[in-house]
Amino acid sequence: MYEDSIRYYVRALAMNPKAYNAWQYLRISLRNDMLEACDSRNLDILQKEFPL
């Protein structure tokens, strides 16, 4: 896991949720229990779990 980078990916996606590559980088970095939130593009869950 790369928890430090995850927080920045989530913040970047909050500013630009259409950034396909950022979603892919985030998915590679996440724990298994957070993959569903990433796949469904649920920024609310991701921001609560990984605040910056």
PDB file of N, CA and C in Angstrom:
ATOM      1  N   MET A   1       0.833  -1.193   0.000  1.00  0.00           N
ATOM      2  CA  MET A   1       0.000   0.000   0.000  1.00  0.00           C
ATOM      3  C   MET A   1       0.875   1.253   0.000  1.00  0.00           C
ATOM      4  N   TYR A   2       0.349   2.273  -0.566  1.00  0.00           N
ATOM      5  CA  TYR A   2       1.048   3.543  -0.634  1.00  0.00           C
ATOM      6  C   TYR A   2       0.135   4.621  -0.070  1.00  0.00           C
ATOM      7  N   GLU A   3      -0.103   4.562   1.244  1.00  0.00           N
ATOM      8  CA  GLU A   3      -1.124   5.420   1.846  1.00  0.00           C
ATOM      9  C   GLU A   3      -0.854   6.904   1.645  1.00  0.00           C
ATOM     10  N   ASP A   4       0.394   7.311   1.648  1.00  0.00           N
ATOM     11  CA  ASP A   4       0.681   8.736   1.432  1.00  0.00           C
ATOM     12  C   ASP A   4       0.237   9.185   0.041  1.00  0.00           C
ATOM     13  N   SER A   5       0.545   8.402  -0.971  1.00  0.00           N
ATOM     14  CA  SER A   5       0.162   8.792  -2.332  1.00  0.00           C
ATOM     15  C   SER A   5      -1.342   8.680  -2.546  1.00  0.00           C
ATOM     16  N   ILE A   6      -1.993   7.742  -1.871  1.00  0.00           N
ATOM     17  CA  ILE A   6      -3.440   7.569  -2.019  1.00  0.00           C
ATOM     18  C   ILE A   6      -4.161   8.862  -1.676  1.00  0.00           C
ATOM     19  N   ARG A   7      -3.746   9.501  -0.602  1.00  0.00           N
ATOM     20  CA  ARG A   7      -4.400  10.742  -0.173  1.00  0.00           C
ATOM     21  C   ARG A   7      -4.336  11.813  -1.268  1.00  0.00           C
ATOM     22  N   TYR A   8      -3.217  11.882  -1.959  1.00  0.00           N
ATOM     23  CA  TYR A   8      -3.059  12.877  -3.022  1.00  0.00           C
ATOM     24  C   TYR A   8      -3.843  12.494  -4.279  1.00  0.00           C
ATOM     25  N   TYR A   9      -3.906  11.215  -4.602  1.00  0.00           N
ATOM     26  CA  TYR A   9      -4.743  10.779  -5.727  1.00  0.00           C
ATOM     27  C   TYR A   9      -6.204  11.122  -5.467  1.00  0.00           C
ATOM     28  N   VAL A  10      -6.671  10.854  -4.237  1.00  0.00           N
ATOM     29  CA  VAL A  10      -8.061  11.147  -3.896  1.00  0.00           C
ATOM     30  C   VAL A  10      -8.323  12.645  -3.995  1.00  0.00           C
ATOM     31  N   ARG A  11      -7.402  13.459  -3.505  1.00  0.00           N
ATOM     32  CA  ARG A  11      -7.573  14.918  -3.588  1.00  0.00           C
ATOM     33  C   ARG A  11      -7.600  15.371  -5.052  1.00  0.00           C
ATOM     34  N   ALA A  12      -6.707  14.836  -5.858  1.00  0.00           N
ATOM     35  CA  ALA A  12      -6.680  15.201  -7.277  1.00  0.00           C
ATOM     36  C   ALA A  12      -7.983  14.806  -7.967  1.00  0.00           C
ATOM     37  N   LEU A  13      -8.510  13.650  -7.623  1.00  0.00           N
ATOM     38  CA  LEU A  13      -9.760  13.204  -8.229  1.00  0.00           C
ATOM     39  C   LEU A  13     -10.949  14.030  -7.766  1.00  0.00           C
ATOM     40  N   ALA A  14     -10.882  14.557  -6.559  1.00  0.00           N
ATOM     41  CA  ALA A  14     -11.945  15.449  -6.088  1.00  0.00           C
ATOM     42  C   ALA A  14     -11.972  16.719  -6.940  1.00  0.00           C
ATOM     43  N   MET A  15     -10.799  17.160  -7.390  1.00  0.00           N
ATOM     44  CA  MET A  15     -10.719  18.352  -8.231  1.00  0.00           C
ATOM     45  C   MET A  15     -11.048  18.050  -9.688  1.00  0.00           C
ATOM     46  N   ASN A  16     -10.727  16.826 -10.136  1.00  0.00           N
ATOM     47  CA  ASN A  16     -10.986  16.438 -11.526  1.00  0.00           C
ATOM     48  C   ASN A  16     -11.380  14.960 -11.572  1.00  0.00           C
ATOM     49  N   PRO A  17     -12.648  14.654 -11.314  1.00  0.00           N
ATOM     50  CA  PRO A  17     -13.078  13.255 -11.261  1.00  0.00           C
ATOM     51  C   PRO A  17     -13.046  12.525 -12.605  1.00  0.00           C
ATOM     52  N   LYS A  18     -12.805  13.243 -13.687  1.00  0.00           N
ATOM     53  CA  LYS A  18     -12.735  12.602 -15.002  1.00  0.00           C
ATOM     54  C   LYS A  18     -11.320  12.152 -15.367  1.00  0.00           C
ATOM     55  N   ALA A  19     -10.373  12.306 -14.467  1.00  0.00           N
ATOM     56  CA  ALA A  19      -8.975  11.953 -14.735  1.00  0.00           C
ATOM     57  C   ALA A  19      -8.805  10.428 -14.676  1.00  0.00           C
ATOM     58  N   TYR A  20      -9.007   9.787 -15.808  1.00  0.00           N
ATOM     59  CA  TYR A  20      -8.983   8.321 -15.890  1.00  0.00           C
ATOM     60  C   TYR A  20      -7.693   7.730 -15.333  1.00  0.00           C
ATOM     61  N   ASN A  21      -6.553   8.293 -15.702  1.00  0.00           N
ATOM     62  CA  ASN A  21      -5.274   7.742 -15.244  1.00  0.00           C
ATOM     63  C   ASN A  21      -5.132   7.808 -13.730  1.00  0.00           C
ATOM     64  N   ALA A  22      -5.617   8.868 -13.117  1.00  0.00           N
ATOM     65  CA  ALA A  22      -5.541   8.979 -11.656  1.00  0.00           C
ATOM     66  C   ALA A  22      -6.372   7.890 -10.989  1.00  0.00           C
ATOM     67  N   TRP A  23      -7.534   7.571 -11.552  1.00  0.00           N
ATOM     68  CA  TRP A  23      -8.342   6.464 -11.006  1.00  0.00           C
ATOM     69  C   TRP A  23      -7.572   5.155 -11.094  1.00  0.00           C
ATOM     70  N   GLN A  24      -6.859   4.944 -12.173  1.00  0.00           N
ATOM     71  CA  GLN A  24      -6.098   3.705 -12.335  1.00  0.00           C
ATOM     72  C   GLN A  24      -4.928   3.639 -11.351  1.00  0.00           C
ATOM     73  N   TYR A  25      -4.215   4.740 -11.172  1.00  0.00           N
ATOM     74  CA  TYR A  25      -3.122   4.772 -10.197  1.00  0.00           C
ATOM     75  C   TYR A  25      -3.656   4.561  -8.786  1.00  0.00           C
ATOM     76  N   LEU A  26      -4.786   5.176  -8.488  1.00  0.00           N
ATOM     77  CA  LEU A  26      -5.405   4.999  -7.177  1.00  0.00           C
ATOM     78  C   LEU A  26      -5.762   3.538  -6.959  1.00  0.00           C
ATOM     79  N   ARG A  27      -6.355   2.913  -7.940  1.00  0.00           N
ATOM     80  CA  ARG A  27      -6.781   1.518  -7.803  1.00  0.00           C
ATOM     81  C   ARG A  27      -5.592   0.605  -7.522  1.00  0.00           C
ATOM     82  N   ILE A  28      -4.486   0.840  -8.173  1.00  0.00           N
ATOM     83  CA  ILE A  28      -3.282   0.033  -7.957  1.00  0.00           C
ATOM     84  C   ILE A  28      -2.787   0.170  -6.521  1.00  0.00           C
ATOM     85  N   SER A  29      -2.978   1.332  -5.929  1.00  0.00           N
ATOM     86  CA  SER A  29      -2.440   1.634  -4.601  1.00  0.00           C
ATOM     87  C   SER A  29      -3.347   1.217  -3.448  1.00  0.00           C
ATOM     88  N   LEU A  30      -4.607   0.950  -3.717  1.00  0.00           N
ATOM     89  CA  LEU A  30      -5.582   0.742  -2.644  1.00  0.00           C
ATOM     90  C   LEU A  30      -5.525  -0.638  -2.005  1.00  0.00           C
ATOM     91  N   ARG A  31      -6.055  -0.682  -0.772  1.00  0.00           N
ATOM     92  CA  ARG A  31      -6.310  -1.956  -0.093  1.00  0.00           C
ATOM     93  C   ARG A  31      -7.488  -2.629  -0.797  1.00  0.00           C
ATOM     94  N   ASN A  32      -7.570  -3.930  -0.654  1.00  0.00           N
ATOM     95  CA  ASN A  32      -8.647  -4.685  -1.304  1.00  0.00           C
ATOM     96  C   ASN A  32     -10.029  -4.232  -0.867  1.00  0.00           C
ATOM     97  N   ASP A  33     -10.176  -3.832   0.386  1.00  0.00           N
ATOM     98  CA  ASP A  33     -11.505  -3.449   0.874  1.00  0.00           C
ATOM     99  C   ASP A  33     -11.981  -2.109   0.318  1.00  0.00           C
ATOM    100  N   MET A  34     -11.126  -1.381  -0.350  1.00  0.00           N
ATOM    101  CA  MET A  34     -11.511  -0.085  -0.917  1.00  0.00           C
ATOM    102  C   MET A  34     -11.668  -0.123  -2.442  1.00  0.00           C
ATOM    103  N   LEU A  35     -11.441  -1.267  -3.045  1.00  0.00           N
ATOM    104  CA  LEU A  35     -11.521  -1.359  -4.505  1.00  0.00           C
ATOM    105  C   LEU A  35     -12.927  -1.079  -5.028  1.00  0.00           C
ATOM    106  N   GLU A  36     -13.940  -1.529  -4.321  1.00  0.00           N
ATOM    107  CA  GLU A  36     -15.312  -1.291  -4.776  1.00  0.00           C
ATOM    108  C   GLU A  36     -15.625   0.204  -4.822  1.00  0.00           C
ATOM    109  N   ALA A  37     -15.166   0.946  -3.819  1.00  0.00           N
ATOM    110  CA  ALA A  37     -15.379   2.397  -3.807  1.00  0.00           C
ATOM    111  C   ALA A  37     -14.679   3.045  -4.999  1.00  0.00           C
ATOM    112  N   CYS A  38     -13.513   2.555  -5.328  1.00  0.00           N
ATOM    113  CA  CYS A  38     -12.784   3.095  -6.475  1.00  0.00           C
ATOM    114  C   CYS A  38     -13.497   2.742  -7.776  1.00  0.00           C
ATOM    115  N   ASP A  39     -13.894   1.495  -7.920  1.00  0.00           N
ATOM    116  CA  ASP A  39     -14.551   1.060  -9.153  1.00  0.00           C
ATOM    117  C   ASP A  39     -15.872   1.784  -9.386  1.00  0.00           C
ATOM    118  N   SER A  40     -16.561   2.133  -8.295  1.00  0.00           N
ATOM    119  CA  SER A  40     -17.833   2.853  -8.432  1.00  0.00           C
ATOM    120  C   SER A  40     -17.634   4.368  -8.430  1.00  0.00           C
ATOM    121  N   ARG A  41     -16.361   4.799  -8.360  1.00  0.00           N
ATOM    122  CA  ARG A  41     -16.006   6.232  -8.369  1.00  0.00           C
ATOM    123  C   ARG A  41     -16.657   6.981  -7.214  1.00  0.00           C
ATOM    124  N   ASN A  42     -16.683   6.355  -6.040  1.00  0.00           N
ATOM    125  CA  ASN A  42     -17.328   6.935  -4.867  1.00  0.00           C
ATOM    126  C   ASN A  42     -16.314   7.769  -4.083  1.00  0.00           C
ATOM    127  N   LEU A  43     -16.221   9.035  -4.425  1.00  0.00           N
ATOM    128  CA  LEU A  43     -15.252   9.920  -3.779  1.00  0.00           C
ATOM    129  C   LEU A  43     -15.597  10.202  -2.321  1.00  0.00           C
ATOM    130  N   ASP A  44     -16.867  10.158  -1.957  1.00  0.00           N
ATOM    131  CA  ASP A  44     -17.244  10.405  -0.559  1.00  0.00           C
ATOM    132  C   ASP A  44     -16.594   9.386   0.369  1.00  0.00           C
ATOM    133  N   ILE A  45     -16.691   8.122   0.029  1.00  0.00           N
ATOM    134  CA  ILE A  45     -16.086   7.068   0.848  1.00  0.00           C
ATOM    135  C   ILE A  45     -14.571   7.212   0.860  1.00  0.00           C
ATOM    136  N   LEU A  46     -13.991   7.444  -0.299  1.00  0.00           N
ATOM    137  CA  LEU A  46     -12.535   7.548  -0.399  1.00  0.00           C
ATOM    138  C   LEU A  46     -12.000   8.747   0.382  1.00  0.00           C
ATOM    139  N   GLN A  47     -12.699   9.879   0.334  1.00  0.00           N
ATOM    140  CA  GLN A  47     -12.243  11.065   1.064  1.00  0.00           C
ATOM    141  C   GLN A  47     -12.365  10.874   2.571  1.00  0.00           C
ATOM    142  N   LYS A  48     -13.363  10.140   3.019  1.00  0.00           N
ATOM    143  CA  LYS A  48     -13.495   9.868   4.455  1.00  0.00           C
ATOM    144  C   LYS A  48     -12.395   8.933   4.938  1.00  0.00           C
ATOM    145  N   GLU A  49     -12.037   7.968   4.113  1.00  0.00           N
ATOM    146  CA  GLU A  49     -11.021   6.988   4.487  1.00  0.00           C
ATOM    147  C   GLU A  49      -9.608   7.558   4.374  1.00  0.00           C
ATOM    148  N   PHE A  50      -9.394   8.443   3.408  1.00  0.00           N
ATOM    149  CA  PHE A  50      -8.057   8.991   3.138  1.00  0.00           C
ATOM    150  C   PHE A  50      -8.096  10.517   3.077  1.00  0.00           C
ATOM    151  N   PRO A  51      -8.333  11.181   4.199  1.00  0.00           N
ATOM    152  CA  PRO A  51      -8.370  12.649   4.190  1.00  0.00           C
ATOM    153  C   PRO A  51      -6.973  13.239   3.994  1.00  0.00           C
ATOM    154  N   LEU A  52      -6.942  14.434   3.438  1.00  0.00           N
ATOM    155  CA  LEU A  52      -5.658  15.138   3.261  1.00  0.00           C
ATOM    156  C   LEU A  52      -5.724  16.450   3.998  1.00  0.00           C
TER     157      LEU A  52
END
